[in-house]
N, C-alpha and C. Protein backbone atom coordinates (compact mmCIF):
# COMPACT_ATOMS: atom_id res chain seq x y z
N UNK A 1 274.92 101.80 96.83
CA UNK A 1 273.69 102.22 97.48
C UNK A 1 273.33 103.62 96.99
N UNK A 2 272.08 103.80 96.58
CA UNK A 2 271.64 105.10 96.12
C UNK A 2 271.21 105.96 97.31
N UNK A 3 271.35 107.25 97.15
CA UNK A 3 270.94 108.17 98.20
C UNK A 3 270.45 109.45 97.53
N UNK A 4 269.25 109.35 96.92
CA UNK A 4 268.70 110.51 96.23
C UNK A 4 267.18 110.37 96.19
N UNK A 5 266.47 111.50 96.08
CA UNK A 5 265.02 111.41 95.97
C UNK A 5 264.63 110.89 94.60
N UNK A 6 263.45 110.30 94.53
CA UNK A 6 262.94 109.91 93.22
C UNK A 6 262.77 111.14 92.35
N UNK A 7 263.01 111.02 91.09
CA UNK A 7 262.70 112.14 90.20
C UNK A 7 261.20 112.26 90.00
N UNK A 8 260.73 113.50 89.89
CA UNK A 8 259.36 113.80 89.46
C UNK A 8 258.28 113.36 90.44
N UNK A 9 258.59 113.06 91.70
CA UNK A 9 257.54 112.80 92.67
C UNK A 9 258.07 113.09 94.07
N UNK A 10 257.26 112.81 95.06
CA UNK A 10 257.61 113.17 96.43
C UNK A 10 257.99 111.98 97.29
N UNK A 11 258.33 110.85 96.70
CA UNK A 11 258.71 109.68 97.49
C UNK A 11 260.12 109.86 98.04
N UNK A 12 260.48 108.95 98.92
CA UNK A 12 261.80 109.03 99.55
C UNK A 12 262.56 107.74 99.28
N UNK A 13 263.86 107.88 99.15
CA UNK A 13 264.71 106.75 98.79
C UNK A 13 266.02 106.99 99.52
N UNK A 14 266.23 106.33 100.66
CA UNK A 14 267.38 106.70 101.48
C UNK A 14 267.95 105.48 102.19
N UNK A 15 269.23 105.51 102.51
CA UNK A 15 269.84 104.39 103.22
C UNK A 15 269.43 104.41 104.69
N UNK A 16 269.40 103.25 105.29
CA UNK A 16 269.16 103.14 106.73
C UNK A 16 270.42 102.59 107.37
N UNK A 17 270.69 103.04 108.57
CA UNK A 17 271.94 102.68 109.21
C UNK A 17 271.76 101.45 110.07
N UNK A 18 272.33 100.36 109.63
CA UNK A 18 272.34 99.08 110.33
C UNK A 18 270.94 98.58 110.67
N UNK A 19 270.01 98.79 109.76
CA UNK A 19 268.73 98.12 109.87
C UNK A 19 268.93 96.71 109.33
N UNK A 20 268.57 95.72 110.12
CA UNK A 20 268.85 94.33 109.76
C UNK A 20 267.56 93.52 109.73
N UNK A 21 267.37 92.75 108.69
CA UNK A 21 266.25 91.82 108.60
C UNK A 21 266.65 90.51 109.27
N UNK A 22 265.79 90.00 110.16
CA UNK A 22 266.03 88.72 110.82
C UNK A 22 265.03 87.71 110.24
N UNK A 23 265.53 86.74 109.54
CA UNK A 23 264.69 85.78 108.83
C UNK A 23 264.72 84.43 109.54
N UNK A 24 263.55 83.81 109.64
CA UNK A 24 263.45 82.51 110.30
C UNK A 24 263.31 82.62 111.80
N UNK A 25 262.94 83.81 112.30
CA UNK A 25 262.80 84.04 113.74
C UNK A 25 261.44 83.54 114.23
N UNK A 26 261.41 83.02 115.45
CA UNK A 26 260.15 82.61 116.08
C UNK A 26 260.10 83.03 117.55
N UNK A 27 261.10 82.59 118.32
CA UNK A 27 261.13 82.88 119.75
C UNK A 27 262.30 83.81 120.05
N UNK A 28 262.00 85.05 120.38
CA UNK A 28 263.05 86.04 120.60
C UNK A 28 263.85 85.78 121.87
N UNK A 29 263.31 84.96 122.76
CA UNK A 29 263.97 84.73 124.05
C UNK A 29 264.99 83.59 123.99
N UNK A 30 265.08 82.89 122.85
CA UNK A 30 265.97 81.74 122.76
C UNK A 30 266.96 81.90 121.63
N UNK A 31 268.19 81.45 121.90
CA UNK A 31 269.22 81.49 120.86
C UNK A 31 269.03 80.37 119.85
N UNK A 32 268.53 79.23 120.32
CA UNK A 32 268.23 78.10 119.45
C UNK A 32 266.83 77.61 119.73
N UNK A 33 266.14 77.10 118.73
CA UNK A 33 264.75 76.69 118.89
C UNK A 33 264.59 75.23 118.50
N UNK A 34 264.28 74.38 119.51
CA UNK A 34 264.14 72.95 119.29
C UNK A 34 262.86 72.44 119.95
N UNK A 35 262.19 71.54 119.29
CA UNK A 35 261.00 70.87 119.82
C UNK A 35 261.16 69.38 119.57
N UNK A 36 261.11 68.60 120.67
CA UNK A 36 261.24 67.13 120.58
C UNK A 36 262.48 66.71 119.81
N UNK A 37 263.56 67.43 120.02
CA UNK A 37 264.82 67.07 119.39
C UNK A 37 264.99 67.56 117.97
N UNK A 38 263.97 68.21 117.42
CA UNK A 38 264.05 68.76 116.06
C UNK A 38 264.29 70.26 116.18
N UNK A 39 265.38 70.72 115.58
CA UNK A 39 265.78 72.13 115.76
C UNK A 39 265.65 72.91 114.45
N UNK A 40 265.22 74.15 114.61
CA UNK A 40 265.14 75.05 113.46
C UNK A 40 266.54 75.51 113.07
N UNK A 41 266.67 75.95 111.84
CA UNK A 41 267.93 76.53 111.39
C UNK A 41 268.21 77.81 112.18
N UNK A 42 269.47 78.19 112.29
CA UNK A 42 269.78 79.48 112.94
C UNK A 42 269.12 80.64 112.20
N UNK A 43 268.81 81.68 112.94
CA UNK A 43 268.23 82.88 112.33
C UNK A 43 269.22 83.48 111.34
N UNK A 44 268.70 83.93 110.21
CA UNK A 44 269.54 84.56 109.18
C UNK A 44 269.39 86.07 109.30
N UNK A 45 270.51 86.78 109.37
CA UNK A 45 270.50 88.24 109.46
C UNK A 45 271.08 88.82 108.18
N UNK A 46 270.31 89.71 107.56
CA UNK A 46 270.75 90.35 106.32
C UNK A 46 270.53 91.85 106.44
N UNK A 47 271.55 92.64 106.13
CA UNK A 47 271.43 94.09 106.18
C UNK A 47 270.38 94.57 105.19
N UNK A 48 269.64 95.61 105.59
CA UNK A 48 268.74 96.30 104.67
C UNK A 48 269.55 97.38 103.96
N UNK A 49 269.64 97.28 102.65
CA UNK A 49 270.47 98.22 101.89
C UNK A 49 269.77 99.55 101.66
N UNK A 50 268.45 99.51 101.46
CA UNK A 50 267.72 100.76 101.20
C UNK A 50 266.23 100.55 101.44
N UNK A 51 265.54 101.64 101.65
CA UNK A 51 264.09 101.58 101.85
C UNK A 51 263.42 102.58 100.93
N UNK A 52 262.29 102.19 100.39
CA UNK A 52 261.54 103.04 99.47
C UNK A 52 260.14 103.24 100.04
N UNK A 53 259.83 104.46 100.43
CA UNK A 53 258.53 104.79 101.01
C UNK A 53 257.57 105.21 99.90
N UNK A 54 256.32 104.81 100.02
CA UNK A 54 255.36 105.17 98.98
C UNK A 54 255.29 106.70 98.82
N UNK A 55 255.28 107.20 97.59
CA UNK A 55 255.33 108.65 97.37
C UNK A 55 254.13 109.41 97.91
N UNK A 56 252.99 108.73 98.12
CA UNK A 56 251.79 109.41 98.60
C UNK A 56 251.52 109.17 100.07
N UNK A 57 252.47 108.60 100.78
CA UNK A 57 252.28 108.38 102.21
C UNK A 57 252.12 109.72 102.92
N UNK A 58 251.04 109.84 103.70
CA UNK A 58 250.75 111.11 104.38
C UNK A 58 250.64 110.95 105.89
N UNK A 59 251.17 109.86 106.40
CA UNK A 59 251.08 109.58 107.82
C UNK A 59 249.97 108.62 108.17
N UNK A 60 249.04 108.42 107.22
CA UNK A 60 247.94 107.48 107.43
C UNK A 60 247.71 106.61 106.20
N UNK A 61 247.37 107.26 105.07
CA UNK A 61 247.10 106.51 103.85
C UNK A 61 248.40 106.14 103.14
N UNK A 62 248.36 105.06 102.36
CA UNK A 62 249.53 104.55 101.64
C UNK A 62 250.67 104.25 102.61
N UNK A 63 250.34 103.65 103.73
CA UNK A 63 251.33 103.33 104.78
C UNK A 63 252.08 102.06 104.41
N UNK A 64 252.99 102.20 103.46
CA UNK A 64 253.69 101.03 102.93
C UNK A 64 255.06 101.45 102.39
N UNK A 65 256.02 100.56 102.51
CA UNK A 65 257.37 100.79 101.99
C UNK A 65 257.95 99.46 101.53
N UNK A 66 258.94 99.53 100.69
CA UNK A 66 259.68 98.34 100.23
C UNK A 66 261.10 98.44 100.76
N UNK A 67 261.55 97.37 101.42
CA UNK A 67 262.92 97.31 101.91
C UNK A 67 263.71 96.38 100.99
N UNK A 68 264.82 96.87 100.50
CA UNK A 68 265.67 96.06 99.63
C UNK A 68 266.83 95.52 100.45
N UNK A 69 267.02 94.20 100.43
CA UNK A 69 268.09 93.57 101.21
C UNK A 69 269.42 93.67 100.48
N UNK A 70 270.49 93.62 101.24
CA UNK A 70 271.83 93.73 100.68
C UNK A 70 272.24 92.48 99.91
N UNK A 71 271.55 91.38 100.18
CA UNK A 71 271.84 90.13 99.46
C UNK A 71 270.58 89.28 99.39
N UNK A 72 270.60 88.28 98.54
CA UNK A 72 269.43 87.42 98.39
C UNK A 72 269.17 86.64 99.67
N UNK A 73 267.90 86.50 100.01
CA UNK A 73 267.52 85.67 101.16
C UNK A 73 267.52 84.21 100.75
N UNK A 74 267.87 83.30 101.66
CA UNK A 74 267.85 81.88 101.34
C UNK A 74 266.42 81.35 101.28
N UNK A 75 266.23 80.26 100.62
CA UNK A 75 264.94 79.56 100.57
C UNK A 75 265.12 78.25 101.34
N UNK A 76 264.47 78.15 102.50
CA UNK A 76 264.67 76.99 103.37
C UNK A 76 263.33 76.48 103.89
N UNK A 77 263.38 75.49 104.78
CA UNK A 77 262.15 75.00 105.41
C UNK A 77 261.53 76.04 106.33
N UNK A 78 262.32 77.05 106.73
CA UNK A 78 261.86 78.04 107.69
C UNK A 78 261.78 79.45 107.12
N UNK A 79 262.28 79.63 105.91
CA UNK A 79 262.26 80.95 105.27
C UNK A 79 261.69 80.78 103.86
N UNK A 80 260.54 81.37 103.63
CA UNK A 80 259.89 81.28 102.32
C UNK A 80 259.35 82.66 101.92
N UNK A 81 259.29 82.95 100.63
CA UNK A 81 258.69 84.22 100.19
C UNK A 81 257.17 84.16 100.30
N UNK A 82 256.54 85.32 100.39
CA UNK A 82 255.09 85.41 100.35
C UNK A 82 254.72 85.98 98.99
N UNK A 83 253.55 85.60 98.49
CA UNK A 83 253.13 86.04 97.16
C UNK A 83 252.37 87.36 97.23
N UNK A 84 252.47 88.14 96.17
CA UNK A 84 251.64 89.34 96.06
C UNK A 84 250.20 88.91 95.77
N UNK A 85 249.22 89.70 96.21
CA UNK A 85 247.81 89.32 96.04
C UNK A 85 247.30 89.59 94.63
N UNK A 86 246.19 88.97 94.30
CA UNK A 86 245.54 89.23 93.02
C UNK A 86 244.03 89.03 93.20
N UNK A 87 243.25 89.59 92.29
CA UNK A 87 241.81 89.38 92.32
C UNK A 87 241.12 90.24 93.36
N UNK A 88 239.95 89.76 93.82
CA UNK A 88 239.14 90.49 94.78
C UNK A 88 238.88 89.64 96.01
N UNK A 89 238.54 90.31 97.10
CA UNK A 89 238.23 89.61 98.34
C UNK A 89 236.76 89.21 98.38
N UNK A 90 236.49 88.02 98.86
CA UNK A 90 235.12 87.59 99.09
C UNK A 90 234.66 88.15 100.44
N UNK A 91 233.35 88.42 100.59
CA UNK A 91 232.85 88.99 101.85
C UNK A 91 233.23 88.20 103.10
N UNK A 92 233.32 86.88 103.02
CA UNK A 92 233.63 86.07 104.19
C UNK A 92 235.09 85.69 104.33
N UNK A 93 235.98 86.44 103.70
CA UNK A 93 237.41 86.10 103.72
C UNK A 93 237.95 86.08 105.15
N UNK A 94 238.85 85.15 105.39
CA UNK A 94 239.50 85.00 106.69
C UNK A 94 241.01 85.17 106.51
N UNK A 95 241.59 86.08 107.29
CA UNK A 95 243.01 86.37 107.19
C UNK A 95 243.78 85.77 108.37
N UNK A 96 245.11 85.73 108.20
CA UNK A 96 246.02 85.46 109.31
C UNK A 96 246.96 86.66 109.45
N UNK A 97 247.14 87.12 110.68
CA UNK A 97 248.10 88.18 110.96
C UNK A 97 249.14 87.64 111.94
N UNK A 98 250.34 88.20 111.89
CA UNK A 98 251.38 87.70 112.79
C UNK A 98 252.29 88.84 113.22
N UNK A 99 252.99 88.61 114.34
CA UNK A 99 253.93 89.60 114.85
C UNK A 99 254.30 89.32 116.29
N UNK A 100 255.20 90.16 116.81
CA UNK A 100 255.67 90.03 118.19
C UNK A 100 255.21 91.22 119.05
N UNK A 101 254.15 91.88 118.64
CA UNK A 101 253.70 93.07 119.33
C UNK A 101 253.00 92.79 120.65
N UNK A 102 252.44 93.85 121.21
CA UNK A 102 251.78 93.78 122.50
C UNK A 102 250.58 92.83 122.46
N UNK A 103 250.43 92.04 123.51
CA UNK A 103 249.29 91.14 123.62
C UNK A 103 248.11 91.92 124.18
N UNK A 104 246.99 92.02 123.44
CA UNK A 104 245.86 92.79 123.93
C UNK A 104 245.43 92.35 125.33
N UNK A 105 245.13 93.33 126.16
CA UNK A 105 244.65 93.17 127.54
C UNK A 105 245.73 92.76 128.53
N UNK A 106 246.93 92.44 128.04
CA UNK A 106 248.00 92.02 128.96
C UNK A 106 249.08 93.09 129.13
N UNK A 107 249.26 93.93 128.12
CA UNK A 107 250.16 95.06 128.28
C UNK A 107 251.63 94.75 128.11
N UNK A 108 251.98 93.56 127.64
CA UNK A 108 253.40 93.28 127.38
C UNK A 108 253.54 92.61 126.02
N UNK A 109 254.76 92.72 125.49
CA UNK A 109 255.02 92.19 124.16
C UNK A 109 255.26 90.69 124.22
N UNK A 110 254.97 90.03 123.10
CA UNK A 110 255.16 88.59 123.01
C UNK A 110 256.60 88.26 122.62
N UNK A 111 257.18 87.26 123.25
CA UNK A 111 258.53 86.83 122.86
C UNK A 111 258.48 85.81 121.73
N UNK A 112 257.32 85.20 121.52
CA UNK A 112 257.14 84.27 120.41
C UNK A 112 256.19 84.86 119.38
N UNK A 113 256.38 84.50 118.14
CA UNK A 113 255.55 85.06 117.08
C UNK A 113 254.10 84.63 117.23
N UNK A 114 253.21 85.63 117.32
CA UNK A 114 251.79 85.36 117.39
C UNK A 114 251.24 85.16 115.98
N UNK A 115 250.31 84.24 115.83
CA UNK A 115 249.56 84.08 114.59
C UNK A 115 248.08 84.06 114.96
N UNK A 116 247.33 85.02 114.46
CA UNK A 116 245.92 85.13 114.84
C UNK A 116 245.03 85.12 113.60
N UNK A 117 243.80 84.67 113.78
CA UNK A 117 242.82 84.59 112.71
C UNK A 117 241.90 85.79 112.80
N UNK A 118 241.74 86.51 111.67
CA UNK A 118 240.95 87.73 111.66
C UNK A 118 239.98 87.74 110.48
N UNK A 119 238.69 87.97 110.73
CA UNK A 119 237.72 88.06 109.63
C UNK A 119 237.80 89.41 108.92
N UNK A 120 237.52 89.39 107.65
CA UNK A 120 237.50 90.60 106.81
C UNK A 120 236.27 91.44 107.12
N UNK A 121 236.46 92.76 107.20
CA UNK A 121 235.35 93.71 107.32
C UNK A 121 235.28 94.54 106.05
N UNK A 122 234.10 94.64 105.47
CA UNK A 122 233.96 95.49 104.30
C UNK A 122 234.08 96.96 104.70
N UNK A 123 234.42 97.81 103.72
CA UNK A 123 234.81 99.19 103.99
C UNK A 123 233.75 99.99 104.75
N UNK A 124 232.50 99.92 104.31
CA UNK A 124 231.45 100.72 104.94
C UNK A 124 231.23 100.31 106.40
N UNK A 125 231.25 99.01 106.67
CA UNK A 125 231.07 98.54 108.04
C UNK A 125 232.26 98.95 108.90
N UNK A 126 233.44 98.93 108.32
CA UNK A 126 234.64 99.32 109.07
C UNK A 126 234.58 100.80 109.44
N UNK A 127 234.25 101.65 108.46
CA UNK A 127 234.17 103.07 108.74
C UNK A 127 233.11 103.38 109.78
N UNK A 128 231.98 102.65 109.74
CA UNK A 128 230.91 102.87 110.71
C UNK A 128 231.35 102.52 112.13
N UNK A 129 232.33 101.65 112.26
CA UNK A 129 232.80 101.25 113.60
C UNK A 129 233.73 102.29 114.21
N UNK A 130 234.22 103.22 113.40
CA UNK A 130 235.11 104.28 113.87
C UNK A 130 234.39 105.63 113.75
N UNK A 131 233.99 106.19 114.86
CA UNK A 131 233.23 107.44 114.83
C UNK A 131 234.13 108.66 114.70
N UNK A 132 235.34 108.60 115.21
CA UNK A 132 236.22 109.77 115.23
C UNK A 132 237.49 109.55 114.42
N UNK A 133 237.46 108.60 113.51
CA UNK A 133 238.64 108.28 112.71
C UNK A 133 238.21 108.01 111.28
N UNK A 134 238.89 108.67 110.34
CA UNK A 134 238.65 108.41 108.92
C UNK A 134 239.52 107.23 108.50
N UNK A 135 238.89 106.14 108.11
CA UNK A 135 239.63 104.98 107.64
C UNK A 135 240.25 105.34 106.29
N UNK A 136 241.56 105.14 106.11
CA UNK A 136 242.21 105.51 104.84
C UNK A 136 241.54 104.85 103.64
N UNK A 137 241.61 105.53 102.51
CA UNK A 137 240.97 105.02 101.30
C UNK A 137 241.59 103.71 100.82
N UNK A 138 242.90 103.55 101.04
CA UNK A 138 243.60 102.37 100.54
C UNK A 138 243.92 101.43 101.70
N UNK A 139 242.85 100.96 102.35
CA UNK A 139 243.01 100.12 103.54
C UNK A 139 242.09 98.91 103.48
N UNK A 140 242.45 97.89 104.23
CA UNK A 140 241.62 96.71 104.48
C UNK A 140 241.40 96.64 105.99
N UNK A 141 240.19 96.30 106.40
CA UNK A 141 239.91 96.14 107.83
C UNK A 141 239.68 94.66 108.14
N UNK A 142 240.19 94.24 109.29
CA UNK A 142 240.03 92.84 109.69
C UNK A 142 240.09 92.74 111.20
N UNK A 143 239.34 91.81 111.75
CA UNK A 143 239.37 91.59 113.19
C UNK A 143 238.03 91.90 113.82
N UNK A 144 238.07 92.71 114.89
CA UNK A 144 236.84 93.12 115.57
C UNK A 144 236.35 92.14 116.62
N UNK A 145 237.20 91.18 117.00
CA UNK A 145 236.82 90.22 118.04
C UNK A 145 237.54 90.57 119.34
N UNK A 146 236.84 90.42 120.43
CA UNK A 146 237.39 90.76 121.74
C UNK A 146 238.70 90.00 122.02
N UNK A 147 239.77 90.74 122.31
CA UNK A 147 241.04 90.15 122.71
C UNK A 147 241.87 89.53 121.61
N UNK A 148 241.40 89.62 120.35
CA UNK A 148 242.14 89.03 119.22
C UNK A 148 242.43 90.14 118.23
N UNK A 149 243.69 90.60 118.20
CA UNK A 149 244.00 91.78 117.40
C UNK A 149 245.51 91.93 117.28
N UNK A 150 245.95 92.61 116.22
CA UNK A 150 247.32 93.11 116.21
C UNK A 150 247.35 94.35 117.10
N UNK A 151 248.56 94.75 117.52
CA UNK A 151 248.63 95.82 118.52
C UNK A 151 249.96 96.56 118.37
N UNK A 152 250.28 97.40 119.34
CA UNK A 152 251.55 98.14 119.30
C UNK A 152 252.72 97.16 119.16
N UNK A 153 253.62 97.48 118.23
CA UNK A 153 254.75 96.61 117.97
C UNK A 153 254.55 95.68 116.79
N UNK A 154 253.30 95.59 116.31
CA UNK A 154 253.01 94.74 115.15
C UNK A 154 253.02 95.51 113.84
N UNK A 155 253.12 96.84 113.91
CA UNK A 155 253.05 97.66 112.70
C UNK A 155 254.07 97.20 111.66
N UNK A 156 253.61 97.15 110.41
CA UNK A 156 254.46 96.69 109.32
C UNK A 156 254.40 95.20 109.10
N UNK A 157 253.72 94.48 110.00
CA UNK A 157 253.62 93.03 109.87
C UNK A 157 252.60 92.61 108.82
N UNK A 158 252.56 91.32 108.50
CA UNK A 158 251.72 90.85 107.40
C UNK A 158 250.31 90.46 107.79
N UNK A 159 249.39 90.73 106.87
CA UNK A 159 248.03 90.21 106.91
C UNK A 159 247.90 89.34 105.67
N UNK A 160 247.82 88.03 105.86
CA UNK A 160 247.89 87.11 104.73
C UNK A 160 246.57 86.37 104.52
N UNK A 161 246.37 85.95 103.29
CA UNK A 161 245.21 85.16 102.90
C UNK A 161 245.72 83.86 102.30
N UNK A 162 245.22 82.74 102.79
CA UNK A 162 245.65 81.43 102.29
C UNK A 162 244.63 80.94 101.27
N UNK A 163 245.03 80.84 100.02
CA UNK A 163 244.20 80.26 98.97
C UNK A 163 244.99 79.09 98.38
N UNK A 164 245.23 79.11 97.08
CA UNK A 164 246.10 78.09 96.51
C UNK A 164 247.56 78.41 96.80
N UNK A 165 247.78 79.59 97.36
CA UNK A 165 249.09 80.05 97.78
C UNK A 165 248.87 81.05 98.92
N UNK A 166 249.94 81.45 99.59
CA UNK A 166 249.82 82.43 100.68
C UNK A 166 250.10 83.81 100.11
N UNK A 167 249.12 84.71 100.23
CA UNK A 167 249.21 86.03 99.62
C UNK A 167 249.23 87.12 100.70
N UNK A 168 250.05 88.14 100.46
CA UNK A 168 250.15 89.28 101.37
C UNK A 168 249.11 90.33 100.96
N UNK A 169 247.98 90.37 101.67
CA UNK A 169 246.91 91.31 101.33
C UNK A 169 247.00 92.60 102.13
N UNK A 170 247.60 92.57 103.30
CA UNK A 170 247.63 93.77 104.12
C UNK A 170 248.93 93.94 104.87
N UNK A 171 249.19 95.19 105.27
CA UNK A 171 250.33 95.54 106.13
C UNK A 171 249.76 96.23 107.36
N UNK A 172 250.06 95.73 108.53
CA UNK A 172 249.51 96.27 109.77
C UNK A 172 249.83 97.76 109.89
N UNK A 173 248.78 98.57 110.10
CA UNK A 173 248.96 100.02 110.07
C UNK A 173 248.39 100.73 111.29
N UNK A 174 247.10 100.54 111.58
CA UNK A 174 246.47 101.33 112.65
C UNK A 174 245.29 100.55 113.24
N UNK A 175 244.55 101.23 114.12
CA UNK A 175 243.38 100.60 114.73
C UNK A 175 243.01 101.30 116.03
N UNK A 176 242.13 100.67 116.77
CA UNK A 176 241.69 101.20 118.06
C UNK A 176 242.87 101.23 119.03
N UNK A 177 243.01 102.34 119.78
CA UNK A 177 244.11 102.42 120.75
C UNK A 177 243.99 101.35 121.83
N UNK A 178 242.78 100.84 122.05
CA UNK A 178 242.56 99.72 122.94
C UNK A 178 242.47 98.45 122.09
N UNK A 179 243.61 97.84 121.85
CA UNK A 179 243.68 96.69 120.96
C UNK A 179 242.74 95.58 121.43
N UNK A 180 242.13 94.91 120.46
CA UNK A 180 241.26 93.79 120.80
C UNK A 180 239.90 94.20 121.32
N UNK A 181 239.42 95.37 120.89
CA UNK A 181 238.09 95.83 121.30
C UNK A 181 237.03 95.19 120.41
N UNK A 182 236.02 94.62 121.00
CA UNK A 182 234.92 94.01 120.25
C UNK A 182 234.29 95.04 119.32
N UNK A 183 234.09 94.65 118.06
CA UNK A 183 233.45 95.54 117.10
C UNK A 183 234.33 96.62 116.53
N UNK A 184 235.64 96.55 116.77
CA UNK A 184 236.57 97.57 116.29
C UNK A 184 237.73 96.88 115.57
N UNK A 185 237.63 96.68 114.26
CA UNK A 185 238.66 95.95 113.53
C UNK A 185 239.95 96.73 113.39
N UNK A 186 241.04 96.02 113.13
CA UNK A 186 242.31 96.65 112.82
C UNK A 186 242.31 97.18 111.40
N UNK A 187 243.19 98.14 111.15
CA UNK A 187 243.30 98.78 109.83
C UNK A 187 244.65 98.41 109.22
N UNK A 188 244.60 97.91 108.00
CA UNK A 188 245.79 97.41 107.30
C UNK A 188 245.88 98.06 105.93
N UNK A 189 247.09 98.41 105.53
CA UNK A 189 247.27 98.94 104.17
C UNK A 189 246.91 97.86 103.16
N UNK A 190 246.12 98.25 102.17
CA UNK A 190 245.67 97.32 101.14
C UNK A 190 246.78 97.10 100.11
N UNK A 191 247.39 95.94 100.12
CA UNK A 191 248.54 95.67 99.26
C UNK A 191 248.13 95.54 97.80
N UNK A 192 246.97 94.96 97.52
CA UNK A 192 246.58 94.75 96.11
C UNK A 192 246.44 96.08 95.38
N UNK A 193 246.12 97.15 96.12
CA UNK A 193 246.02 98.46 95.51
C UNK A 193 247.39 99.12 95.29
N UNK A 194 248.44 98.46 95.77
CA UNK A 194 249.80 99.00 95.63
C UNK A 194 250.72 98.08 94.84
N UNK A 195 250.14 97.04 94.23
CA UNK A 195 250.98 96.06 93.53
C UNK A 195 251.74 96.69 92.38
N UNK A 196 251.09 97.55 91.62
CA UNK A 196 251.77 98.18 90.48
C UNK A 196 252.98 98.96 90.95
N UNK A 197 252.83 99.73 92.04
CA UNK A 197 253.96 100.49 92.58
C UNK A 197 255.06 99.55 93.08
N UNK A 198 254.68 98.49 93.78
CA UNK A 198 255.66 97.53 94.30
C UNK A 198 256.46 96.93 93.15
N UNK A 199 255.78 96.54 92.08
CA UNK A 199 256.48 95.93 90.94
C UNK A 199 257.43 96.92 90.26
N UNK A 200 257.05 98.20 90.24
CA UNK A 200 257.95 99.22 89.68
C UNK A 200 259.20 99.34 90.53
N UNK A 201 259.03 99.33 91.85
CA UNK A 201 260.18 99.42 92.75
C UNK A 201 261.08 98.19 92.58
N UNK A 202 260.48 97.01 92.52
CA UNK A 202 261.27 95.79 92.38
C UNK A 202 262.03 95.74 91.05
N UNK A 203 261.43 96.28 90.02
CA UNK A 203 262.07 96.25 88.70
C UNK A 203 263.15 97.31 88.57
N UNK A 204 263.09 98.32 89.46
CA UNK A 204 264.04 99.43 89.35
C UNK A 204 263.65 100.42 88.27
N UNK A 205 262.47 100.21 87.63
CA UNK A 205 262.04 101.05 86.54
C UNK A 205 261.07 102.12 87.03
N UNK A 206 261.62 103.07 87.81
CA UNK A 206 260.78 104.13 88.33
C UNK A 206 261.47 105.48 88.18
């Protein structure tokens, strides 16, 4: 395990103590998950060996990091990789976001993984919806429907687009403090603008 700063930039590269990735999780309240006699595989736990934070992260913009696992993750019916994005977004794009964070308007966290549908907001419309907040330059906005939103506890979760494959277009980052406010979309780190950096980290050639 490496424990040193990147050369020639301001990024961070450091070990985390017993941070564990849980793969294949759905219902946090149950040890086993079965429906009509069909049971999911047990949750897979893999230690996170290291984390790499984007060198330009300033607390708002470039809110993204890569976590390297201590061993390869399995490929199963319940655990699959997500693809990196490519190309451009169409104005009417529809995303899916997921997580176990706070349920808007209810004030408590979900024990089962939420999956919600969120429409894409173009940058100018998104910025216009926030009067006292500068939307980061490298962000995607999605949502803006009453009661349908990512919220506290969802940060770092995926914003995906389903085309011929499932692509990771966003990472849950910020938004209105009152989650699920009509006309106030969530703010997600734009992954397509960070693909080159991600590939450098994955290759180890940085």
